[in-house]
N, C-alpha and C. Protein backbone atom coordinates (compact mmCIF):
# COMPACT_ATOMS: atom_id res chain seq x y z
N UNK A 1 0.84 -1.17 0.00
CA UNK A 1 0.00 0.00 0.00
C UNK A 1 0.89 1.24 0.00
N UNK A 2 0.57 2.20 -0.86
CA UNK A 2 1.37 3.42 -0.93
C UNK A 2 0.88 4.42 0.10
N UNK A 3 1.81 5.15 0.62
CA UNK A 3 1.49 6.13 1.64
C UNK A 3 1.22 7.48 0.97
N UNK A 4 0.14 8.15 1.38
CA UNK A 4 -0.21 9.45 0.83
C UNK A 4 0.77 10.50 1.34
N UNK A 5 1.07 11.46 0.47
CA UNK A 5 1.94 12.56 0.84
C UNK A 5 1.19 13.48 1.81
N UNK A 6 1.84 13.92 2.85
CA UNK A 6 1.23 14.82 3.82
C UNK A 6 1.05 16.20 3.18
N UNK A 7 -0.21 16.63 3.06
CA UNK A 7 -0.48 17.90 2.41
C UNK A 7 -0.20 19.10 3.31
N UNK A 8 -0.17 18.90 4.60
CA UNK A 8 0.03 20.01 5.53
C UNK A 8 1.49 20.17 5.95
N UNK A 9 2.41 19.50 5.30
CA UNK A 9 3.80 19.50 5.75
C UNK A 9 4.46 20.88 5.71
N UNK A 10 3.95 21.77 4.87
CA UNK A 10 4.56 23.10 4.75
C UNK A 10 3.95 24.13 5.69
N UNK A 11 2.99 23.73 6.50
CA UNK A 11 2.33 24.67 7.40
C UNK A 11 2.99 24.60 8.78
N UNK A 12 3.70 25.65 9.13
CA UNK A 12 4.29 25.76 10.46
C UNK A 12 4.32 27.22 10.85
N UNK A 13 3.61 27.55 11.90
CA UNK A 13 3.58 28.93 12.37
C UNK A 13 4.97 29.34 12.85
N UNK A 14 5.63 28.46 13.56
CA UNK A 14 6.96 28.75 14.07
C UNK A 14 7.93 29.05 12.92
N UNK A 15 7.94 28.19 11.90
CA UNK A 15 8.85 28.41 10.76
C UNK A 15 8.53 29.71 10.03
N UNK A 16 7.24 30.00 9.85
CA UNK A 16 6.83 31.22 9.16
C UNK A 16 7.30 32.45 9.93
N UNK A 17 7.05 32.48 11.23
CA UNK A 17 7.43 33.64 12.03
C UNK A 17 8.95 33.77 12.14
N UNK A 18 9.66 32.67 12.20
CA UNK A 18 11.13 32.73 12.22
C UNK A 18 11.67 33.26 10.91
N UNK A 19 11.07 32.84 9.79
CA UNK A 19 11.50 33.33 8.48
C UNK A 19 11.28 34.83 8.34
N UNK A 20 10.26 35.35 9.05
CA UNK A 20 9.96 36.78 9.03
C UNK A 20 10.69 37.53 10.14
N UNK A 21 11.59 36.84 10.83
CA UNK A 21 12.34 37.41 11.97
C UNK A 21 11.41 37.94 13.07
N UNK A 22 10.29 37.27 13.27
CA UNK A 22 9.34 37.64 14.33
C UNK A 22 9.40 36.68 15.51
N UNK A 23 10.24 35.64 15.40
CA UNK A 23 10.35 34.65 16.47
C UNK A 23 11.74 34.05 16.47
N UNK A 24 12.11 33.47 17.61
CA UNK A 24 13.36 32.74 17.75
C UNK A 24 13.23 31.80 18.94
N UNK A 25 14.26 31.02 19.22
CA UNK A 25 14.20 30.04 20.31
C UNK A 25 13.86 30.71 21.65
N UNK A 26 14.50 31.82 21.94
CA UNK A 26 14.30 32.49 23.22
C UNK A 26 12.86 33.00 23.34
N UNK A 27 12.36 33.64 22.29
CA UNK A 27 10.99 34.15 22.32
C UNK A 27 10.00 33.01 22.52
N UNK A 28 10.19 31.92 21.80
CA UNK A 28 9.26 30.79 21.92
C UNK A 28 9.33 30.14 23.29
N UNK A 29 10.51 30.11 23.89
CA UNK A 29 10.65 29.59 25.25
C UNK A 29 9.89 30.46 26.24
N UNK A 30 10.06 31.78 26.13
CA UNK A 30 9.35 32.72 27.01
C UNK A 30 7.84 32.61 26.79
N UNK A 31 7.42 32.58 25.56
CA UNK A 31 6.00 32.48 25.23
C UNK A 31 5.41 31.19 25.75
N UNK A 32 6.16 30.12 25.65
CA UNK A 32 5.70 28.81 26.12
C UNK A 32 5.46 28.74 27.61
N UNK A 33 6.07 29.66 28.35
CA UNK A 33 5.90 29.68 29.81
C UNK A 33 4.67 30.48 30.25
N UNK A 34 3.99 31.11 29.31
CA UNK A 34 2.80 31.90 29.65
C UNK A 34 1.53 31.14 29.31
N UNK A 35 0.51 31.26 30.16
CA UNK A 35 -0.78 30.66 29.79
C UNK A 35 -1.41 31.48 28.66
N UNK A 36 -2.22 30.82 27.85
CA UNK A 36 -2.85 31.46 26.69
C UNK A 36 -3.60 32.73 27.07
N UNK A 37 -4.28 32.71 28.21
CA UNK A 37 -5.04 33.88 28.65
C UNK A 37 -4.13 35.09 28.85
N UNK A 38 -2.95 34.85 29.42
CA UNK A 38 -2.00 35.95 29.63
C UNK A 38 -1.45 36.46 28.30
N UNK A 39 -1.21 35.57 27.37
CA UNK A 39 -0.69 35.97 26.06
C UNK A 39 -1.71 36.88 25.36
N UNK A 40 -2.97 36.48 25.37
CA UNK A 40 -4.01 37.28 24.73
C UNK A 40 -4.14 38.64 25.41
N UNK A 41 -4.20 38.63 26.74
CA UNK A 41 -4.33 39.89 27.48
C UNK A 41 -3.13 40.80 27.24
N UNK A 42 -1.93 40.24 27.24
CA UNK A 42 -0.73 41.04 27.01
C UNK A 42 -0.72 41.61 25.60
N UNK A 43 -1.07 40.81 24.62
CA UNK A 43 -1.12 41.27 23.24
C UNK A 43 -2.10 42.44 23.10
N UNK A 44 -3.27 42.32 23.71
CA UNK A 44 -4.26 43.40 23.66
C UNK A 44 -3.73 44.66 24.37
N UNK A 45 -3.11 44.47 25.54
CA UNK A 45 -2.58 45.62 26.28
C UNK A 45 -1.51 46.34 25.47
N UNK A 46 -0.61 45.60 24.86
CA UNK A 46 0.45 46.20 24.04
C UNK A 46 -0.14 46.95 22.85
N UNK A 47 -1.12 46.34 22.20
CA UNK A 47 -1.74 46.98 21.04
C UNK A 47 -2.42 48.29 21.42
N UNK A 48 -3.17 48.28 22.51
CA UNK A 48 -3.86 49.49 22.92
C UNK A 48 -2.91 50.54 23.47
N UNK A 49 -1.84 50.09 24.10
CA UNK A 49 -0.83 51.04 24.59
C UNK A 49 -0.14 51.73 23.41
N UNK A 50 0.10 50.99 22.34
CA UNK A 50 0.76 51.55 21.16
C UNK A 50 -0.10 52.62 20.49
N UNK A 51 -1.41 52.45 20.56
CA UNK A 51 -2.33 53.43 19.96
C UNK A 51 -2.29 54.73 20.74
N UNK A 52 -2.21 54.63 22.05
CA UNK A 52 -2.06 55.80 22.89
C UNK A 52 -3.34 56.52 23.28
N UNK A 53 -4.45 56.07 22.72
CA UNK A 53 -5.73 56.68 23.09
C UNK A 53 -6.73 55.57 23.38
N UNK A 54 -7.64 55.81 24.30
CA UNK A 54 -8.66 54.78 24.56
C UNK A 54 -9.62 54.67 23.38
N UNK A 55 -9.90 53.47 22.98
CA UNK A 55 -10.82 53.24 21.87
C UNK A 55 -12.11 52.64 22.40
N UNK A 56 -13.01 53.49 22.77
CA UNK A 56 -14.29 53.03 23.28
C UNK A 56 -15.13 52.56 22.11
N UNK A 57 -15.84 51.48 22.30
CA UNK A 57 -16.72 50.98 21.26
C UNK A 57 -16.07 50.00 20.29
N UNK A 58 -14.79 49.66 20.50
CA UNK A 58 -14.15 48.65 19.66
C UNK A 58 -14.76 47.30 20.03
N UNK A 59 -15.26 46.56 19.06
CA UNK A 59 -15.99 45.32 19.37
C UNK A 59 -15.08 44.13 19.68
N UNK A 60 -14.26 44.26 20.70
CA UNK A 60 -13.34 43.19 21.05
C UNK A 60 -14.09 41.91 21.38
N UNK A 61 -15.14 42.03 22.16
CA UNK A 61 -15.90 40.85 22.59
C UNK A 61 -16.45 40.08 21.39
N UNK A 62 -16.96 40.80 20.41
CA UNK A 62 -17.51 40.15 19.22
C UNK A 62 -16.41 39.60 18.32
N UNK A 63 -15.21 40.16 18.42
CA UNK A 63 -14.10 39.72 17.58
C UNK A 63 -13.42 38.45 18.08
N UNK A 64 -13.59 38.12 19.35
CA UNK A 64 -12.91 36.97 19.94
C UNK A 64 -13.19 35.66 19.21
N UNK A 65 -14.44 35.34 18.86
CA UNK A 65 -14.67 34.08 18.15
C UNK A 65 -13.92 34.03 16.80
N UNK A 66 -13.88 35.12 16.07
CA UNK A 66 -13.17 35.17 14.80
C UNK A 66 -11.68 34.95 15.01
N UNK A 67 -11.11 35.66 15.97
CA UNK A 67 -9.68 35.55 16.27
C UNK A 67 -9.33 34.13 16.70
N UNK A 68 -10.17 33.55 17.55
CA UNK A 68 -9.92 32.21 18.07
C UNK A 68 -10.00 31.17 16.96
N UNK A 69 -11.00 31.25 16.11
CA UNK A 69 -11.14 30.29 15.01
C UNK A 69 -9.99 30.42 14.03
N UNK A 70 -9.56 31.65 13.75
CA UNK A 70 -8.42 31.87 12.88
C UNK A 70 -7.18 31.20 13.46
N UNK A 71 -6.95 31.37 14.75
CA UNK A 71 -5.80 30.75 15.42
C UNK A 71 -5.89 29.23 15.41
N UNK A 72 -7.08 28.69 15.65
CA UNK A 72 -7.27 27.24 15.64
C UNK A 72 -6.99 26.64 14.27
N UNK A 73 -7.42 27.30 13.22
CA UNK A 73 -7.17 26.80 11.87
C UNK A 73 -5.67 26.77 11.56
N UNK A 74 -4.97 27.84 11.93
CA UNK A 74 -3.52 27.89 11.72
C UNK A 74 -2.83 26.78 12.52
N UNK A 75 -3.25 26.62 13.76
CA UNK A 75 -2.67 25.60 14.63
C UNK A 75 -2.90 24.19 14.08
N UNK A 76 -4.14 23.89 13.74
CA UNK A 76 -4.47 22.52 13.33
C UNK A 76 -3.77 22.15 12.02
N UNK A 77 -3.59 23.11 11.12
CA UNK A 77 -2.85 22.80 9.89
C UNK A 77 -1.38 22.53 10.20
N UNK A 78 -0.85 23.19 11.22
CA UNK A 78 0.57 23.03 11.53
C UNK A 78 0.87 21.72 12.27
N UNK A 79 -0.15 21.07 12.83
CA UNK A 79 0.13 19.84 13.58
C UNK A 79 -0.43 18.57 12.94
N UNK A 80 -1.13 18.71 11.81
CA UNK A 80 -1.72 17.54 11.17
C UNK A 80 -1.08 17.30 9.81
N UNK A 81 -1.28 16.08 9.31
CA UNK A 81 -0.66 15.70 8.04
C UNK A 81 -1.59 15.87 6.85
N UNK A 82 -2.88 16.06 7.10
CA UNK A 82 -3.84 16.18 6.00
C UNK A 82 -5.05 16.99 6.44
N UNK A 83 -5.84 17.41 5.45
CA UNK A 83 -7.06 18.14 5.78
C UNK A 83 -8.06 17.23 6.49
N UNK A 84 -8.08 15.97 6.12
CA UNK A 84 -8.99 15.03 6.78
C UNK A 84 -8.63 14.92 8.26
N UNK A 85 -7.35 14.80 8.54
CA UNK A 85 -6.90 14.72 9.93
C UNK A 85 -7.21 16.02 10.67
N UNK A 86 -7.00 17.15 9.99
CA UNK A 86 -7.29 18.45 10.60
C UNK A 86 -8.77 18.57 10.93
N UNK A 87 -9.63 18.15 9.99
CA UNK A 87 -11.08 18.20 10.22
C UNK A 87 -11.46 17.30 11.40
N UNK A 88 -10.90 16.11 11.46
CA UNK A 88 -11.18 15.21 12.57
C UNK A 88 -10.74 15.81 13.90
N UNK A 89 -9.59 16.45 13.91
CA UNK A 89 -9.06 17.08 15.12
C UNK A 89 -10.01 18.16 15.62
N UNK A 90 -10.60 18.91 14.68
CA UNK A 90 -11.53 19.98 15.04
C UNK A 90 -12.94 19.48 15.30
N UNK A 91 -13.20 18.23 14.93
CA UNK A 91 -14.54 17.67 15.11
C UNK A 91 -15.51 18.17 14.06
N UNK A 92 -15.04 18.34 12.85
CA UNK A 92 -15.87 18.83 11.75
C UNK A 92 -15.60 18.02 10.49
N UNK A 93 -16.27 18.34 9.41
CA UNK A 93 -16.05 17.64 8.14
C UNK A 93 -15.01 18.39 7.31
N UNK A 94 -14.46 17.72 6.32
CA UNK A 94 -13.49 18.35 5.42
C UNK A 94 -14.16 19.48 4.65
N UNK A 95 -15.44 19.31 4.31
CA UNK A 95 -16.17 20.36 3.59
C UNK A 95 -16.24 21.63 4.43
N UNK A 96 -16.60 21.49 5.69
CA UNK A 96 -16.68 22.65 6.60
C UNK A 96 -15.28 23.23 6.82
N UNK A 97 -14.29 22.36 6.98
CA UNK A 97 -12.91 22.83 7.15
C UNK A 97 -12.50 23.68 5.95
N UNK A 98 -12.74 23.18 4.74
CA UNK A 98 -12.36 23.92 3.53
C UNK A 98 -13.07 25.27 3.44
N UNK A 99 -14.34 25.32 3.83
CA UNK A 99 -15.07 26.59 3.84
C UNK A 99 -14.42 27.57 4.80
N UNK A 100 -14.03 27.08 5.97
CA UNK A 100 -13.40 27.95 6.95
C UNK A 100 -11.99 28.36 6.54
N UNK A 101 -11.25 27.46 5.92
CA UNK A 101 -9.91 27.81 5.43
C UNK A 101 -10.00 28.94 4.41
N UNK A 102 -11.03 28.88 3.58
CA UNK A 102 -11.24 29.94 2.59
C UNK A 102 -11.69 31.23 3.27
N UNK A 103 -12.65 31.13 4.19
CA UNK A 103 -13.17 32.31 4.90
C UNK A 103 -12.08 33.05 5.66
N UNK A 104 -11.23 32.31 6.36
CA UNK A 104 -10.19 32.91 7.19
C UNK A 104 -8.87 33.10 6.45
N UNK A 105 -8.82 32.68 5.19
CA UNK A 105 -7.62 32.82 4.34
C UNK A 105 -6.40 32.20 5.00
N UNK A 106 -6.60 31.02 5.57
CA UNK A 106 -5.55 30.36 6.33
C UNK A 106 -4.39 29.89 5.45
N UNK A 107 -4.70 29.30 4.31
CA UNK A 107 -3.64 28.81 3.43
C UNK A 107 -2.80 29.98 2.92
N UNK A 108 -3.46 31.09 2.60
CA UNK A 108 -2.75 32.27 2.14
C UNK A 108 -1.80 32.81 3.21
N UNK A 109 -2.19 32.67 4.48
CA UNK A 109 -1.35 33.11 5.58
C UNK A 109 0.02 32.43 5.53
N UNK A 110 0.01 31.15 5.19
CA UNK A 110 1.25 30.38 5.17
C UNK A 110 2.01 30.52 3.85
N UNK A 111 1.43 31.20 2.89
CA UNK A 111 2.08 31.36 1.59
C UNK A 111 3.39 32.12 1.75
N UNK A 112 4.41 31.69 1.04
CA UNK A 112 5.71 32.35 1.12
C UNK A 112 5.82 33.50 0.14
N UNK A 113 4.80 33.67 -0.72
CA UNK A 113 4.81 34.77 -1.69
C UNK A 113 4.68 36.09 -0.96
N UNK A 114 5.41 37.08 -1.41
CA UNK A 114 5.35 38.41 -0.82
C UNK A 114 4.12 39.11 -1.32
N UNK A 115 3.44 39.83 -0.43
CA UNK A 115 2.29 40.61 -0.84
C UNK A 115 2.77 41.76 -1.70
N UNK A 116 1.99 42.04 -2.73
CA UNK A 116 2.32 43.16 -3.60
C UNK A 116 3.33 42.81 -4.67
N UNK A 117 3.67 41.53 -4.82
CA UNK A 117 4.65 41.17 -5.85
C UNK A 117 3.98 40.77 -7.15
N UNK A 118 2.64 40.95 -7.23
CA UNK A 118 1.92 40.65 -8.45
C UNK A 118 1.50 39.21 -8.59
N UNK A 119 1.79 38.36 -7.60
CA UNK A 119 1.46 36.95 -7.71
C UNK A 119 0.15 36.60 -7.02
N UNK A 120 -0.41 37.51 -6.25
CA UNK A 120 -1.66 37.23 -5.54
C UNK A 120 -2.85 37.65 -6.33
């Protein structure tokens, strides 16, 4: 029996961020020591601090499901060998997975093509 090629082998958040000089061993070690809740809270605090003004009425609460699903899709592609396995991991069908991958532009996120180079 022939073994199918793993279609998700090129999806790695760590590799992508390292290639963009946004991550390294030390950063990942520090990040790994924080609970997810602290990472989200810290990221939001840093973002709002950078803006310098309070933004009342920003729909953060409504945005959380979108942000979370986007993160889950990126994660599941990086740890599975196929879309079928990714769908099973999420408890959904491949059809629903594909719809969400398109909606959240997950595959494009991992693309190595530079934006604005005329290839998109």
